[in-house]
Amino acid sequence: MAFHLGCMRALHELGILQQVKILSTVSGGSVIGALYVTFDEPFPQFDARVRTALLRGLVAPIVRTAFLTLEGVKAVLCFCLIGVANLAFLAVSRTL
């Protein structure tokens, strides 16, 4: 995210980012791209928001969300159920 923030900062300083109509991202850039389109704020505020998130770290908030919210618990359960289903399909396919 830090690399992508630096790229976006350079585009902003060159006056290019303000002209962007479509943002296409992959991999780690998808996180910052999603943040950028989620918050409708001037770039300096966005920049500060991302720097603050990077300084705080990303793992602890993700773990808290996964285990301390209903949506997080649902996501963890779905992940486990899909894993069990995949193992069952694998076992069946090996017996055929």
PDB file of N, CA and C in Angstrom:
ATOM      1  N   MET A   1       0.827  -1.193   0.000  1.00  0.00           N
ATOM      2  CA  MET A   1       0.000   0.000   0.000  1.00  0.00           C
ATOM      3  C   MET A   1       0.871   1.257   0.000  1.00  0.00           C
ATOM      4  N   ALA A   2       1.995   1.193   0.705  1.00  0.00           N
ATOM      5  CA  ALA A   2       2.862   2.370   0.778  1.00  0.00           C
ATOM      6  C   ALA A   2       3.394   2.727  -0.611  1.00  0.00           C
ATOM      7  N   PHE A   3       3.781   1.721  -1.378  1.00  0.00           N
ATOM      8  CA  PHE A   3       4.262   1.972  -2.740  1.00  0.00           C
ATOM      9  C   PHE A   3       3.175   2.646  -3.580  1.00  0.00           C
ATOM     10  N   HIS A   4       1.968   2.102  -3.518  1.00  0.00           N
ATOM     11  CA  HIS A   4       0.867   2.634  -4.316  1.00  0.00           C
ATOM     12  C   HIS A   4       0.478   4.031  -3.860  1.00  0.00           C
ATOM     13  N   LEU A   5       0.561   4.278  -2.562  1.00  0.00           N
ATOM     14  CA  LEU A   5       0.273   5.621  -2.070  1.00  0.00           C
ATOM     15  C   LEU A   5       1.296   6.604  -2.621  1.00  0.00           C
ATOM     16  N   GLY A   6       2.552   6.194  -2.678  1.00  0.00           N
ATOM     17  CA  GLY A   6       3.581   7.058  -3.257  1.00  0.00           C
ATOM     18  C   GLY A   6       3.308   7.357  -4.723  1.00  0.00           C
ATOM     19  N   CYS A   7       2.874   6.349  -5.472  1.00  0.00           N
ATOM     20  CA  CYS A   7       2.530   6.555  -6.882  1.00  0.00           C
ATOM     21  C   CYS A   7       1.360   7.521  -7.016  1.00  0.00           C
ATOM     22  N   MET A   8       0.344   7.330  -6.180  1.00  0.00           N
ATOM     23  CA  MET A   8      -0.824   8.214  -6.245  1.00  0.00           C
ATOM     24  C   MET A   8      -0.444   9.633  -5.827  1.00  0.00           C
ATOM     25  N   ARG A   9       0.451   9.742  -4.859  1.00  0.00           N
ATOM     26  CA  ARG A   9       0.892  11.069  -4.420  1.00  0.00           C
ATOM     27  C   ARG A   9       1.606  11.791  -5.573  1.00  0.00           C
ATOM     28  N   ALA A  10       2.457  11.056  -6.306  1.00  0.00           N
ATOM     29  CA  ALA A  10       3.155  11.660  -7.449  1.00  0.00           C
ATOM     30  C   ALA A  10       2.156  12.098  -8.521  1.00  0.00           C
ATOM     31  N   LEU A  11       1.169  11.250  -8.797  1.00  0.00           N
ATOM     32  CA  LEU A  11       0.148  11.612  -9.788  1.00  0.00           C
ATOM     33  C   LEU A  11      -0.635  12.837  -9.340  1.00  0.00           C
ATOM     34  N   HIS A  12      -0.919  12.911  -8.046  1.00  0.00           N
ATOM     35  CA  HIS A  12      -1.642  14.074  -7.503  1.00  0.00           C
ATOM     36  C   HIS A  12      -0.807  15.344  -7.664  1.00  0.00           C
ATOM     37  N   GLU A  13       0.471  15.247  -7.308  1.00  0.00           N
ATOM     38  CA  GLU A  13       1.342  16.429  -7.387  1.00  0.00           C
ATOM     39  C   GLU A  13       1.530  16.902  -8.829  1.00  0.00           C
ATOM     40  N   LEU A  14       1.454  15.983  -9.786  1.00  0.00           N
ATOM     41  CA  LEU A  14       1.566  16.347 -11.199  1.00  0.00           C
ATOM     42  C   LEU A  14       0.239  16.822 -11.788  1.00  0.00           C
ATOM     43  N   GLY A  15      -0.835  16.748 -11.005  1.00  0.00           N
ATOM     44  CA  GLY A  15      -2.149  17.179 -11.474  1.00  0.00           C
ATOM     45  C   GLY A  15      -2.854  16.151 -12.347  1.00  0.00           C
ATOM     46  N   ILE A  16      -2.346  14.930 -12.345  1.00  0.00           N
ATOM     47  CA  ILE A  16      -2.924  13.878 -13.189  1.00  0.00           C
ATOM     48  C   ILE A  16      -4.049  13.141 -12.468  1.00  0.00           C
ATOM     49  N   LEU A  17      -3.879  12.896 -11.182  1.00  0.00           N
ATOM     50  CA  LEU A  17      -4.853  12.098 -10.435  1.00  0.00           C
ATOM     51  C   LEU A  17      -6.246  12.718 -10.467  1.00  0.00           C
ATOM     52  N   GLN A  18      -6.321  14.039 -10.443  1.00  0.00           N
ATOM     53  CA  GLN A  18      -7.605  14.721 -10.456  1.00  0.00           C
ATOM     54  C   GLN A  18      -8.353  14.508 -11.767  1.00  0.00           C
ATOM     55  N   GLN A  19      -7.643  14.126 -12.820  1.00  0.00           N
ATOM     56  CA  GLN A  19      -8.261  13.917 -14.124  1.00  0.00           C
ATOM     57  C   GLN A  19      -8.694  12.474 -14.350  1.00  0.00           C
ATOM     58  N   VAL A  20      -8.332  11.581 -13.432  1.00  0.00           N
ATOM     59  CA  VAL A  20      -8.634  10.159 -13.595  1.00  0.00           C
ATOM     60  C   VAL A  20     -10.131   9.928 -13.433  1.00  0.00           C
ATOM     61  N   LYS A  21     -10.713   9.218 -14.380  1.00  0.00           N
ATOM     62  CA  LYS A  21     -12.142   8.878 -14.338  1.00  0.00           C
ATOM     63  C   LYS A  21     -12.365   7.424 -13.958  1.00  0.00           C
ATOM     64  N   ILE A  22     -11.422   6.541 -14.340  1.00  0.00           N
ATOM     65  CA  ILE A  22     -11.533   5.108 -14.064  1.00  0.00           C
ATOM     66  C   ILE A  22     -10.251   4.650 -13.408  1.00  0.00           C
ATOM     67  N   LEU A  23     -10.376   3.895 -12.340  1.00  0.00           N
ATOM     68  CA  LEU A  23      -9.217   3.378 -11.619  1.00  0.00           C
ATOM     69  C   LEU A  23      -9.242   1.857 -11.703  1.00  0.00           C
ATOM     70  N   SER A  24      -8.223   1.284 -12.305  1.00  0.00           N
ATOM     71  CA  SER A  24      -8.119  -0.164 -12.440  1.00  0.00           C
ATOM     72  C   SER A  24      -6.950  -0.629 -11.593  1.00  0.00           C
ATOM     73  N   THR A  25      -7.175  -1.622 -10.736  1.00  0.00           N
ATOM     74  CA  THR A  25      -6.128  -2.053  -9.812  1.00  0.00           C
ATOM     75  C   THR A  25      -6.023  -3.573  -9.770  1.00  0.00           C
ATOM     76  N   VAL A  26      -4.877  -4.049  -9.308  1.00  0.00           N
ATOM     77  CA  VAL A  26      -4.672  -5.478  -9.064  1.00  0.00           C
ATOM     78  C   VAL A  26      -3.847  -5.632  -7.790  1.00  0.00           C
ATOM     79  N   SER A  27      -3.967  -6.791  -7.185  1.00  0.00           N
ATOM     80  CA  SER A  27      -3.155  -7.184  -6.039  1.00  0.00           C
ATOM     81  C   SER A  27      -3.213  -6.137  -4.927  1.00  0.00           C
ATOM     82  N   GLY A  28      -2.062  -5.760  -4.391  1.00  0.00           N
ATOM     83  CA  GLY A  28      -2.033  -4.808  -3.283  1.00  0.00           C
ATOM     84  C   GLY A  28      -2.601  -3.454  -3.635  1.00  0.00           C
ATOM     85  N   GLY A  29      -2.539  -3.083  -4.905  1.00  0.00           N
ATOM     86  CA  GLY A  29      -3.115  -1.818  -5.336  1.00  0.00           C
ATOM     87  C   GLY A  29      -4.626  -1.785  -5.195  1.00  0.00           C
ATOM     88  N   SER A  30      -5.248  -2.953  -5.144  1.00  0.00           N
ATOM     89  CA  SER A  30      -6.709  -3.009  -5.012  1.00  0.00           C
ATOM     90  C   SER A  30      -7.161  -2.466  -3.669  1.00  0.00           C
ATOM     91  N   VAL A  31      -6.360  -2.672  -2.634  1.00  0.00           N
ATOM     92  CA  VAL A  31      -6.736  -2.178  -1.306  1.00  0.00           C
ATOM     93  C   VAL A  31      -6.773  -0.658  -1.316  1.00  0.00           C
ATOM     94  N   ILE A  32      -5.714  -0.051  -1.791  1.00  0.00           N
ATOM     95  CA  ILE A  32      -5.674   1.410  -1.788  1.00  0.00           C
ATOM     96  C   ILE A  32      -6.650   1.989  -2.814  1.00  0.00           C
ATOM     97  N   GLY A  33      -6.857   1.279  -3.920  1.00  0.00           N
ATOM     98  CA  GLY A  33      -7.841   1.725  -4.901  1.00  0.00           C
ATOM     99  C   GLY A  33      -9.241   1.732  -4.311  1.00  0.00           C
ATOM    100  N   ALA A  34      -9.568   0.690  -3.556  1.00  0.00           N
ATOM    101  CA  ALA A  34     -10.886   0.625  -2.908  1.00  0.00           C
ATOM    102  C   ALA A  34     -11.036   1.739  -1.881  1.00  0.00           C
ATOM    103  N   LEU A  35      -9.988   1.993  -1.121  1.00  0.00           N
ATOM    104  CA  LEU A  35     -10.043   3.084  -0.141  1.00  0.00           C
ATOM    105  C   LEU A  35     -10.235   4.431  -0.846  1.00  0.00           C
ATOM    106  N   TYR A  36      -9.538   4.607  -1.945  1.00  0.00           N
ATOM    107  CA  TYR A  36      -9.593   5.880  -2.669  1.00  0.00           C
ATOM    108  C   TYR A  36     -11.001   6.176  -3.178  1.00  0.00           C
ATOM    109  N   VAL A  37     -11.667   5.171  -3.716  1.00  0.00           N
ATOM    110  CA  VAL A  37     -13.005   5.424  -4.248  1.00  0.00           C
ATOM    111  C   VAL A  37     -14.079   5.405  -3.162  1.00  0.00           C
ATOM    112  N   THR A  38     -13.768   4.827  -2.002  1.00  0.00           N
ATOM    113  CA  THR A  38     -14.740   4.766  -0.917  1.00  0.00           C
ATOM    114  C   THR A  38     -14.920   6.114  -0.233  1.00  0.00           C
ATOM    115  N   PHE A  39     -13.813   6.801  -0.011  1.00  0.00           N
ATOM    116  CA  PHE A  39     -13.865   8.067   0.712  1.00  0.00           C
ATOM    117  C   PHE A  39     -13.825   9.222  -0.273  1.00  0.00           C
ATOM    118  N   ASP A  40     -14.889  10.007  -0.312  1.00  0.00           N
ATOM    119  CA  ASP A  40     -14.956  11.171  -1.194  1.00  0.00           C
ATOM    120  C   ASP A  40     -14.378  12.359  -0.433  1.00  0.00           C
ATOM    121  N   GLU A  41     -13.046  12.503  -0.533  1.00  0.00           N
ATOM    122  CA  GLU A  41     -12.362  13.559   0.200  1.00  0.00           C
ATOM    123  C   GLU A  41     -11.170  14.044  -0.623  1.00  0.00           C
ATOM    124  N   PRO A  42     -10.691  15.231  -0.337  1.00  0.00           N
ATOM    125  CA  PRO A  42      -9.509  15.726  -1.048  1.00  0.00           C
ATOM    126  C   PRO A  42      -8.312  14.794  -0.819  1.00  0.00           C
ATOM    127  N   PHE A  43      -7.402  14.745  -1.794  1.00  0.00           N
ATOM    128  CA  PHE A  43      -6.297  13.808  -1.720  1.00  0.00           C
ATOM    129  C   PHE A  43      -5.451  13.974  -0.451  1.00  0.00           C
ATOM    130  N   PRO A  44      -5.134  15.181   0.009  1.00  0.00           N
ATOM    131  CA  PRO A  44      -4.323  15.281   1.233  1.00  0.00           C
ATOM    132  C   PRO A  44      -4.957  14.569   2.439  1.00  0.00           C
ATOM    133  N   GLN A  45      -6.276  14.611   2.545  1.00  0.00           N
ATOM    134  CA  GLN A  45      -6.955  13.910   3.636  1.00  0.00           C
ATOM    135  C   GLN A  45      -6.891  12.397   3.425  1.00  0.00           C
ATOM    136  N   PHE A  46      -7.066  11.966   2.182  1.00  0.00           N
ATOM    137  CA  PHE A  46      -6.934  10.546   1.859  1.00  0.00           C
ATOM    138  C   PHE A  46      -5.529  10.062   2.188  1.00  0.00           C
ATOM    139  N   ASP A  47      -4.526  10.828   1.788  1.00  0.00           N
ATOM    140  CA  ASP A  47      -3.129  10.498   2.048  1.00  0.00           C
ATOM    141  C   ASP A  47      -2.896  10.329   3.558  1.00  0.00           C
ATOM    142  N   ALA A  48      -3.406  11.256   4.341  1.00  0.00           N
ATOM    143  CA  ALA A  48      -3.249  11.180   5.794  1.00  0.00           C
ATOM    144  C   ALA A  48      -3.962   9.956   6.363  1.00  0.00           C
ATOM    145  N   ARG A  49      -5.151   9.648   5.827  1.00  0.00           N
ATOM    146  CA  ARG A  49      -5.912   8.485   6.294  1.00  0.00           C
ATOM    147  C   ARG A  49      -5.123   7.196   6.059  1.00  0.00           C
ATOM    148  N   VAL A  50      -4.553   7.048   4.867  1.00  0.00           N
ATOM    149  CA  VAL A  50      -3.811   5.832   4.538  1.00  0.00           C
ATOM    150  C   VAL A  50      -2.528   5.745   5.360  1.00  0.00           C
ATOM    151  N   ARG A  51      -1.815   6.871   5.513  1.00  0.00           N
ATOM    152  CA  ARG A  51      -0.596   6.851   6.326  1.00  0.00           C
ATOM    153  C   ARG A  51      -0.908   6.453   7.765  1.00  0.00           C
ATOM    154  N   THR A  52      -2.010   6.948   8.302  1.00  0.00           N
ATOM    155  CA  THR A  52      -2.411   6.580   9.664  1.00  0.00           C
ATOM    156  C   THR A  52      -2.698   5.089   9.755  1.00  0.00           C
ATOM    157  N   ALA A  53      -3.410   4.547   8.770  1.00  0.00           N
ATOM    158  CA  ALA A  53      -3.710   3.106   8.757  1.00  0.00           C
ATOM    159  C   ALA A  53      -2.426   2.285   8.677  1.00  0.00           C
ATOM    160  N   LEU A  54      -1.485   2.720   7.852  1.00  0.00           N
ATOM    161  CA  LEU A  54      -0.222   1.989   7.736  1.00  0.00           C
ATOM    162  C   LEU A  54       0.577   2.042   9.033  1.00  0.00           C
ATOM    163  N   LEU A  55       0.549   3.180   9.707  1.00  0.00           N
ATOM    164  CA  LEU A  55       1.265   3.300  10.980  1.00  0.00           C
ATOM    165  C   LEU A  55       0.645   2.424  12.066  1.00  0.00           C
ATOM    166  N   ARG A  56      -0.670   2.336  12.088  1.00  0.00           N
ATOM    167  CA  ARG A  56      -1.370   1.513  13.084  1.00  0.00           C
ATOM    168  C   ARG A  56      -1.190   0.025  12.820  1.00  0.00           C
ATOM    169  N   GLY A  57      -1.056  -0.315  11.559  1.00  0.00           N
ATOM    170  CA  GLY A  57      -0.991  -1.721  11.178  1.00  0.00           C
ATOM    171  C   GLY A  57      -2.365  -2.188  10.732  1.00  0.00           C
ATOM    172  N   LEU A  58      -2.388  -3.233   9.919  1.00  0.00           N
ATOM    173  CA  LEU A  58      -3.644  -3.693   9.345  1.00  0.00           C
ATOM    174  C   LEU A  58      -4.127  -5.015   9.924  1.00  0.00           C
ATOM    175  N   VAL A  59      -3.246  -5.771  10.547  1.00  0.00           N
ATOM    176  CA  VAL A  59      -3.617  -7.113  10.997  1.00  0.00           C
ATOM    177  C   VAL A  59      -4.595  -7.070  12.162  1.00  0.00           C
ATOM    178  N   ALA A  60      -4.312  -6.274  13.175  1.00  0.00           N
ATOM    179  CA  ALA A  60      -5.171  -6.244  14.367  1.00  0.00           C
ATOM    180  C   ALA A  60      -6.613  -5.852  14.036  1.00  0.00           C
ATOM    181  N   PRO A  61      -6.851  -4.790  13.238  1.00  0.00           N
ATOM    182  CA  PRO A  61      -8.246  -4.468  12.904  1.00  0.00           C
ATOM    183  C   PRO A  61      -8.939  -5.578  12.116  1.00  0.00           C
ATOM    184  N   ILE A  62      -8.201  -6.264  11.250  1.00  0.00           N
ATOM    185  CA  ILE A  62      -8.797  -7.357  10.481  1.00  0.00           C
ATOM    186  C   ILE A  62      -9.189  -8.500  11.400  1.00  0.00           C
ATOM    187  N   VAL A  63      -8.310  -8.860  12.335  1.00  0.00           N
ATOM    188  CA  VAL A  63      -8.603  -9.951  13.272  1.00  0.00           C
ATOM    189  C   VAL A  63      -9.782  -9.577  14.161  1.00  0.00           C
ATOM    190  N   ARG A  64      -9.817  -8.330  14.650  1.00  0.00           N
ATOM    191  CA  ARG A  64     -10.952  -7.887  15.473  1.00  0.00           C
ATOM    192  C   ARG A  64     -12.256  -7.997  14.700  1.00  0.00           C
ATOM    193  N   THR A  65     -12.250  -7.554  13.457  1.00  0.00           N
ATOM    194  CA  THR A  65     -13.457  -7.625  12.638  1.00  0.00           C
ATOM    195  C   THR A  65     -13.869  -9.067  12.400  1.00  0.00           C
ATOM    196  N   ALA A  66     -12.893  -9.927  12.137  1.00  0.00           N
ATOM    197  CA  ALA A  66     -13.198 -11.329  11.831  1.00  0.00           C
ATOM    198  C   ALA A  66     -13.816 -12.054  13.012  1.00  0.00           C
ATOM    199  N   PHE A  67     -13.375 -11.742  14.216  1.00  0.00           N
ATOM    200  CA  PHE A  67     -13.830 -12.521  15.365  1.00  0.00           C
ATOM    201  C   PHE A  67     -14.792 -11.793  16.294  1.00  0.00           C
ATOM    202  N   LEU A  68     -14.936 -10.487  16.149  1.00  0.00           N
ATOM    203  CA  LEU A  68     -15.768  -9.742  17.091  1.00  0.00           C
ATOM    204  C   LEU A  68     -16.992  -9.094  16.462  1.00  0.00           C
ATOM    205  N   THR A  69     -17.237  -9.362  15.182  1.00  0.00           N
ATOM    206  CA  THR A  69     -18.458  -8.850  14.561  1.00  0.00           C
ATOM    207  C   THR A  69     -19.220 -10.021  13.955  1.00  0.00           C
ATOM    208  N   LEU A  70     -20.511  -9.867  13.831  1.00  0.00           N
ATOM    209  CA  LEU A  70     -21.340 -10.926  13.270  1.00  0.00           C
ATOM    210  C   LEU A  70     -20.928 -11.230  11.831  1.00  0.00           C
ATOM    211  N   GLU A  71     -20.671 -10.198  11.051  1.00  0.00           N
ATOM    212  CA  GLU A  71     -20.265 -10.413   9.656  1.00  0.00           C
ATOM    213  C   GLU A  71     -18.927 -11.148   9.585  1.00  0.00           C
ATOM    214  N   GLY A  72     -18.029 -10.809  10.484  1.00  0.00           N
ATOM    215  CA  GLY A  72     -16.733 -11.483  10.510  1.00  0.00           C
ATOM    216  C   GLY A  72     -16.869 -12.959  10.853  1.00  0.00           C
ATOM    217  N   VAL A  73     -17.699 -13.252  11.840  1.00  0.00           N
ATOM    218  CA  VAL A  73     -17.928 -14.649  12.228  1.00  0.00           C
ATOM    219  C   VAL A  73     -18.557 -15.418  11.069  1.00  0.00           C
ATOM    220  N   LYS A  74     -19.507 -14.790  10.375  1.00  0.00           N
ATOM    221  CA  LYS A  74     -20.117 -15.437   9.207  1.00  0.00           C
ATOM    222  C   LYS A  74     -19.061 -15.744   8.144  1.00  0.00           C
ATOM    223  N   ALA A  75     -18.168 -14.789   7.893  1.00  0.00           N
ATOM    224  CA  ALA A  75     -17.126 -14.983   6.884  1.00  0.00           C
ATOM    225  C   ALA A  75     -16.191 -16.123   7.278  1.00  0.00           C
ATOM    226  N   VAL A  76     -15.806 -16.189   8.550  1.00  0.00           N
ATOM    227  CA  VAL A  76     -14.927 -17.267   9.016  1.00  0.00           C
ATOM    228  C   VAL A  76     -15.631 -18.613   8.881  1.00  0.00           C
ATOM    229  N   LEU A  77     -16.909 -18.682   9.256  1.00  0.00           N
ATOM    230  CA  LEU A  77     -17.661 -19.929   9.129  1.00  0.00           C
ATOM    231  C   LEU A  77     -17.785 -20.361   7.667  1.00  0.00           C
ATOM    232  N   CYS A  78     -18.067 -19.424   6.786  1.00  0.00           N
ATOM    233  CA  CYS A  78     -18.148 -19.758   5.355  1.00  0.00           C
ATOM    234  C   CYS A  78     -16.811 -20.283   4.846  1.00  0.00           C
ATOM    235  N   PHE A  79     -15.733 -19.649   5.261  1.00  0.00           N
ATOM    236  CA  PHE A  79     -14.398 -20.089   4.857  1.00  0.00           C
ATOM    237  C   PHE A  79     -14.166 -21.529   5.308  1.00  0.00           C
ATOM    238  N   CYS A  80     -14.540 -21.838   6.543  1.00  0.00           N
ATOM    239  CA  CYS A  80     -14.361 -23.196   7.070  1.00  0.00           C
ATOM    240  C   CYS A  80     -15.242 -24.204   6.327  1.00  0.00           C
ATOM    241  N   LEU A  81     -16.503 -23.844   6.101  1.00  0.00           N
ATOM    242  CA  LEU A  81     -17.412 -24.746   5.387  1.00  0.00           C
ATOM    243  C   LEU A  81     -16.940 -25.018   3.963  1.00  0.00           C
ATOM    244  N   ILE A  82     -16.456 -23.990   3.300  1.00  0.00           N
ATOM    245  CA  ILE A  82     -15.946 -24.174   1.940  1.00  0.00           C
ATOM    246  C   ILE A  82     -14.717 -25.077   1.958  1.00  0.00           C
ATOM    247  N   GLY A  83     -13.864 -24.907   2.966  1.00  0.00           N
ATOM    248  CA  GLY A  83     -12.694 -25.771   3.093  1.00  0.00           C
ATOM    249  C   GLY A  83     -13.085 -27.220   3.287  1.00  0.00           C
ATOM    250  N   VAL A  84     -14.062 -27.476   4.142  1.00  0.00           N
ATOM    251  CA  VAL A  84     -14.536 -28.842   4.379  1.00  0.00           C
ATOM    252  C   VAL A  84     -15.146 -29.413   3.102  1.00  0.00           C
ATOM    253  N   ALA A  85     -15.950 -28.613   2.406  1.00  0.00           N
ATOM    254  CA  ALA A  85     -16.564 -29.077   1.151  1.00  0.00           C
ATOM    255  C   ALA A  85     -15.490 -29.407   0.121  1.00  0.00           C
ATOM    256  N   ASN A  86     -14.461 -28.569   0.018  1.00  0.00           N
ATOM    257  CA  ASN A  86     -13.378 -28.847  -0.924  1.00  0.00           C
ATOM    258  C   ASN A  86     -12.648 -30.136  -0.576  1.00  0.00           C
ATOM    259  N   LEU A  87     -12.415 -30.366   0.691  1.00  0.00           N
ATOM    260  CA  LEU A  87     -11.761 -31.614   1.103  1.00  0.00           C
ATOM    261  C   LEU A  87     -12.639 -32.820   0.774  1.00  0.00           C
ATOM    262  N   ALA A  88     -13.948 -32.688   0.961  1.00  0.00           N
ATOM    263  CA  ALA A  88     -14.859 -33.792   0.644  1.00  0.00           C
ATOM    264  C   ALA A  88     -14.849 -34.073  -0.858  1.00  0.00           C
ATOM    265  N   PHE A  89     -14.906 -33.024  -1.671  1.00  0.00           N
ATOM    266  CA  PHE A  89     -14.852 -33.213  -3.122  1.00  0.00           C
ATOM    267  C   PHE A  89     -13.530 -33.847  -3.549  1.00  0.00           C
ATOM    268  N   LEU A  90     -12.449 -33.440  -2.922  1.00  0.00           N
ATOM    269  CA  LEU A  90     -11.149 -34.013  -3.235  1.00  0.00           C
ATOM    270  C   LEU A  90     -11.117 -35.500  -2.894  1.00  0.00           C
ATOM    271  N   ALA A  91     -11.659 -35.856  -1.731  1.00  0.00           N
ATOM    272  CA  ALA A  91     -11.679 -37.253  -1.313  1.00  0.00           C
ATOM    273  C   ALA A  91     -12.519 -38.083  -2.268  1.00  0.00           C
ATOM    274  N   VAL A  92     -13.679 -37.565  -2.665  1.00  0.00           N
ATOM    275  CA  VAL A  92     -14.538 -38.281  -3.599  1.00  0.00           C
ATOM    276  C   VAL A  92     -13.853 -38.436  -4.956  1.00  0.00           C
ATOM    277  N   SER A  93     -13.209 -37.390  -5.436  1.00  0.00           N
ATOM    278  CA  SER A  93     -12.577 -37.447  -6.752  1.00  0.00           C
ATOM    279  C   SER A  93     -11.403 -38.431  -6.770  1.00  0.00           C
ATOM    280  N   ARG A  94     -10.762 -38.637  -5.662  1.00  0.00           N
ATOM    281  CA  ARG A  94      -9.630 -39.569  -5.604  1.00  0.00           C
ATOM    282  C   ARG A  94     -10.112 -41.035  -5.570  1.00  0.00           C
ATOM    283  N   THR A  95     -11.357 -41.225  -5.140  1.00  0.00           N
ATOM    284  CA  THR A  95     -11.882 -42.607  -5.098  1.00  0.00           C
ATOM    285  C   THR A  95     -12.477 -43.042  -6.435  1.00  0.00           C
ATOM    286  N   LEU A  96     -12.724 -42.093  -7.315  1.00  0.00           N
ATOM    287  CA  LEU A  96     -13.341 -42.433  -8.609  1.00  0.00           C
ATOM    288  C   LEU A  96     -12.330 -42.882  -9.616  1.00  0.00           C
TER     289      LEU A  96
END
